[in-house]
Amino acid sequence: MRPFRTCAGCLAQDPEWVGSSGTGSLYSWTVVWRPQHPSFVVPYAPAVVELDEGWYLLSAVVGCEDDELSIGMRLEVEFHPVSEEITLPYFTPLRSGGTPASANGRAQGS
């Protein structure tokens, strides 16, 4: 599976998967109190995470209260399966010491 058909930046049509450390910083977020669908549990915090490699990823922050969120907060990815075929990346605060809580494969495609 290709990550996209054409790069929006350079129009390249031969994308490839590149590994990531799975860590980054909170760039921006909001807190949602009115779900768009009944399956969403509120509140939740959709966020833009600036990965350490320089990429930005739209995801959500879990594992902390919304009043604990702050710009630059260090985060790490954790993967949540939502079906047998789909697993989504969420971010949680990086535990103290700056090392990821889990050392399994991070944000790598096949």
C-alpha atoms as a PDB file:
ATOM      1  CA  MET A   1       0.000   0.000   0.000  1.00  0.00           C
ATOM      2  CA  ARG A   2       1.334   3.431  -0.930  1.00  0.00           C
ATOM      3  CA  PRO A   3       1.127   6.272   1.605  1.00  0.00           C
ATOM      4  CA  PHE A   4      -0.168   8.637  -1.133  1.00  0.00           C
ATOM      5  CA  ARG A   5      -0.342   8.841  -4.920  1.00  0.00           C
ATOM      6  CA  THR A   6       1.370  12.197  -5.446  1.00  0.00           C
ATOM      7  CA  CYS A   7       3.405  14.355  -3.063  1.00  0.00           C
ATOM      8  CA  ALA A   8       1.653  17.689  -2.526  1.00  0.00           C
ATOM      9  CA  GLY A   9       5.019  19.422  -2.100  1.00  0.00           C
ATOM     10  CA  CYS A  10       7.097  18.187  -5.042  1.00  0.00           C
ATOM     11  CA  LEU A  11       4.560  16.188  -7.130  1.00  0.00           C
ATOM     12  CA  ALA A  12       6.683  13.020  -6.910  1.00  0.00           C
ATOM     13  CA  GLN A  13       4.699   9.891  -7.721  1.00  0.00           C
ATOM     14  CA  ASP A  14       6.987   7.309  -6.165  1.00  0.00           C
ATOM     15  CA  PRO A  15       6.533   7.677  -2.390  1.00  0.00           C
ATOM     16  CA  GLU A  16       8.179   5.331   0.059  1.00  0.00           C
ATOM     17  CA  TRP A  17       7.644   4.503   3.709  1.00  0.00           C
ATOM     18  CA  VAL A  18      10.260   5.958   6.068  1.00  0.00           C
ATOM     19  CA  GLY A  19      10.629   4.918   9.702  1.00  0.00           C
ATOM     20  CA  SER A  20      10.121   7.330  12.589  1.00  0.00           C
ATOM     21  CA  SER A  21      11.271   7.298  16.202  1.00  0.00           C
ATOM     22  CA  GLY A  22       7.634   7.805  17.191  1.00  0.00           C
ATOM     23  CA  THR A  23       8.452  10.776  19.404  1.00  0.00           C
ATOM     24  CA  GLY A  24       7.757  14.455  18.969  1.00  0.00           C
ATOM     25  CA  SER A  25       6.302  17.618  20.451  1.00  0.00           C
ATOM     26  CA  LEU A  26       2.792  18.986  20.714  1.00  0.00           C
ATOM     27  CA  TYR A  27       2.450  21.703  18.070  1.00  0.00           C
ATOM     28  CA  SER A  28      -1.264  22.497  18.408  1.00  0.00           C
ATOM     29  CA  TRP A  29      -4.479  20.994  19.774  1.00  0.00           C
ATOM     30  CA  THR A  30      -8.084  21.587  20.659  1.00  0.00           C
ATOM     31  CA  VAL A  31     -10.443  19.870  23.071  1.00  0.00           C
ATOM     32  CA  VAL A  32     -13.680  18.474  21.648  1.00  0.00           C
ATOM     33  CA  TRP A  33     -16.727  18.317  23.912  1.00  0.00           C
ATOM     34  CA  ARG A  34     -19.408  17.643  21.262  1.00  0.00           C
ATOM     35  CA  PRO A  35     -18.701  14.426  19.374  1.00  0.00           C
ATOM     36  CA  GLN A  36     -19.306  14.273  15.641  1.00  0.00           C
ATOM     37  CA  HIS A  37     -20.416  10.679  16.048  1.00  0.00           C
ATOM     38  CA  PRO A  38     -21.846   8.806  19.074  1.00  0.00           C
ATOM     39  CA  SER A  39     -18.884   6.396  19.058  1.00  0.00           C
ATOM     40  CA  PHE A  40     -16.504   9.212  20.115  1.00  0.00           C
ATOM     41  CA  VAL A  41     -15.949   9.524  23.857  1.00  0.00           C
ATOM     42  CA  VAL A  42     -15.624  13.143  24.984  1.00  0.00           C
ATOM     43  CA  PRO A  43     -13.604  15.030  25.819  1.00  0.00           C
ATOM     44  CA  TYR A  44     -10.847  14.172  23.372  1.00  0.00           C
ATOM     45  CA  ALA A  45      -7.918  16.204  22.121  1.00  0.00           C
ATOM     46  CA  PRO A  46      -7.183  16.131  18.395  1.00  0.00           C
ATOM     47  CA  ALA A  47      -3.659  17.421  17.952  1.00  0.00           C
ATOM     48  CA  VAL A  48      -0.950  18.285  15.486  1.00  0.00           C
ATOM     49  CA  VAL A  49       2.283  16.592  16.560  1.00  0.00           C
ATOM     50  CA  GLU A  50       5.649  17.722  15.207  1.00  0.00           C
ATOM     51  CA  LEU A  51       7.646  14.508  14.964  1.00  0.00           C
ATOM     52  CA  ASP A  52      11.356  14.637  15.779  1.00  0.00           C
ATOM     53  CA  GLU A  53      12.121  13.968  12.109  1.00  0.00           C
ATOM     54  CA  GLY A  54      10.411  17.270  11.180  1.00  0.00           C
ATOM     55  CA  TRP A  55       7.112  15.902   9.860  1.00  0.00           C
ATOM     56  CA  TYR A  56       3.702  16.943  11.191  1.00  0.00           C
ATOM     57  CA  LEU A  57       1.021  14.383  11.980  1.00  0.00           C
ATOM     58  CA  LEU A  58      -2.633  14.931  12.830  1.00  0.00           C
ATOM     59  CA  SER A  59      -3.562  12.558  15.630  1.00  0.00           C
ATOM     60  CA  ALA A  60      -4.924  12.779  19.181  1.00  0.00           C
ATOM     61  CA  VAL A  61      -3.354  12.952  22.630  1.00  0.00           C
ATOM     62  CA  VAL A  62      -4.398  10.331  25.165  1.00  0.00           C
ATOM     63  CA  GLY A  63      -3.186   9.376  28.619  1.00  0.00           C
ATOM     64  CA  CYS A  64      -3.443  12.787  30.261  1.00  0.00           C
ATOM     65  CA  GLU A  65      -6.017  15.398  31.180  1.00  0.00           C
ATOM     66  CA  ASP A  66      -6.704  18.142  28.641  1.00  0.00           C
ATOM     67  CA  ASP A  67      -5.572  20.856  31.095  1.00  0.00           C
ATOM     68  CA  GLU A  68      -2.106  19.201  31.189  1.00  0.00           C
ATOM     69  CA  LEU A  69      -1.512  19.820  27.454  1.00  0.00           C
ATOM     70  CA  SER A  70       1.002  22.500  26.494  1.00  0.00           C
ATOM     71  CA  ILE A  71       2.846  23.611  23.376  1.00  0.00           C
ATOM     72  CA  GLY A  72       6.141  21.746  23.099  1.00  0.00           C
ATOM     73  CA  MET A  73       5.010  18.917  25.402  1.00  0.00           C
ATOM     74  CA  ARG A  74       7.060  15.810  24.592  1.00  0.00           C
ATOM     75  CA  LEU A  75       4.964  12.930  23.243  1.00  0.00           C
ATOM     76  CA  GLU A  76       5.382   9.362  22.034  1.00  0.00           C
ATOM     77  CA  VAL A  77       3.214   7.263  19.746  1.00  0.00           C
ATOM     78  CA  GLU A  78       1.090   4.342  20.853  1.00  0.00           C
ATOM     79  CA  PHE A  79      -0.933   2.336  18.383  1.00  0.00           C
ATOM     80  CA  HIS A  80      -4.631   1.557  18.949  1.00  0.00           C
ATOM     81  CA  PRO A  81      -6.354  -1.090  16.810  1.00  0.00           C
ATOM     82  CA  VAL A  82      -9.833   0.018  15.748  1.00  0.00           C
ATOM     83  CA  SER A  83     -10.600  -3.027  13.614  1.00  0.00           C
ATOM     84  CA  GLU A  84      -8.833  -6.124  12.328  1.00  0.00           C
ATOM     85  CA  GLU A  85      -7.448  -4.094   9.411  1.00  0.00           C
ATOM     86  CA  ILE A  86      -6.973  -0.605  10.860  1.00  0.00           C
ATOM     87  CA  THR A  87      -4.624   0.590  13.598  1.00  0.00           C
ATOM     88  CA  LEU A  88      -4.365   4.299  14.403  1.00  0.00           C
ATOM     89  CA  PRO A  89      -1.486   6.255  15.954  1.00  0.00           C
ATOM     90  CA  TYR A  90      -2.289   8.192  19.125  1.00  0.00           C
ATOM     91  CA  PHE A  91       0.178  10.134  21.242  1.00  0.00           C
ATOM     92  CA  THR A  92       0.751  10.039  24.981  1.00  0.00           C
ATOM     93  CA  PRO A  93       3.100  12.112  27.171  1.00  0.00           C
ATOM     94  CA  LEU A  94       6.672  10.871  27.030  1.00  0.00           C
ATOM     95  CA  ARG A  95       7.495   9.293  30.352  1.00  0.00           C
ATOM     96  CA  SER A  96      10.148  10.941  32.510  1.00  0.00           C
ATOM     97  CA  GLY A  97      13.712  10.313  31.442  1.00  0.00           C
ATOM     98  CA  GLY A  98      12.856  11.017  27.811  1.00  0.00           C
ATOM     99  CA  THR A  99      12.725   7.393  26.727  1.00  0.00           C
ATOM    100  CA  PRO A 100       9.726   5.858  24.983  1.00  0.00           C
ATOM    101  CA  ALA A 101       7.496   3.739  27.221  1.00  0.00           C
ATOM    102  CA  SER A 102       7.319   1.007  24.567  1.00  0.00           C
ATOM    103  CA  ALA A 103      10.155  -0.087  22.333  1.00  0.00           C
ATOM    104  CA  ASN A 104       8.204  -1.907  19.634  1.00  0.00           C
ATOM    105  CA  GLY A 105       8.243  -0.849  15.951  1.00  0.00           C
ATOM    106  CA  ARG A 106       7.226   2.751  15.475  1.00  0.00           C
ATOM    107  CA  ALA A 107       5.270   4.290  12.603  1.00  0.00           C
ATOM    108  CA  GLN A 108       6.760   2.029   9.979  1.00  0.00           C
ATOM    109  CA  GLY A 109       4.896   0.829   6.940  1.00  0.00           C
ATOM    110  CA  SER A 110       5.276  -2.385   5.029  1.00  0.00           C
END
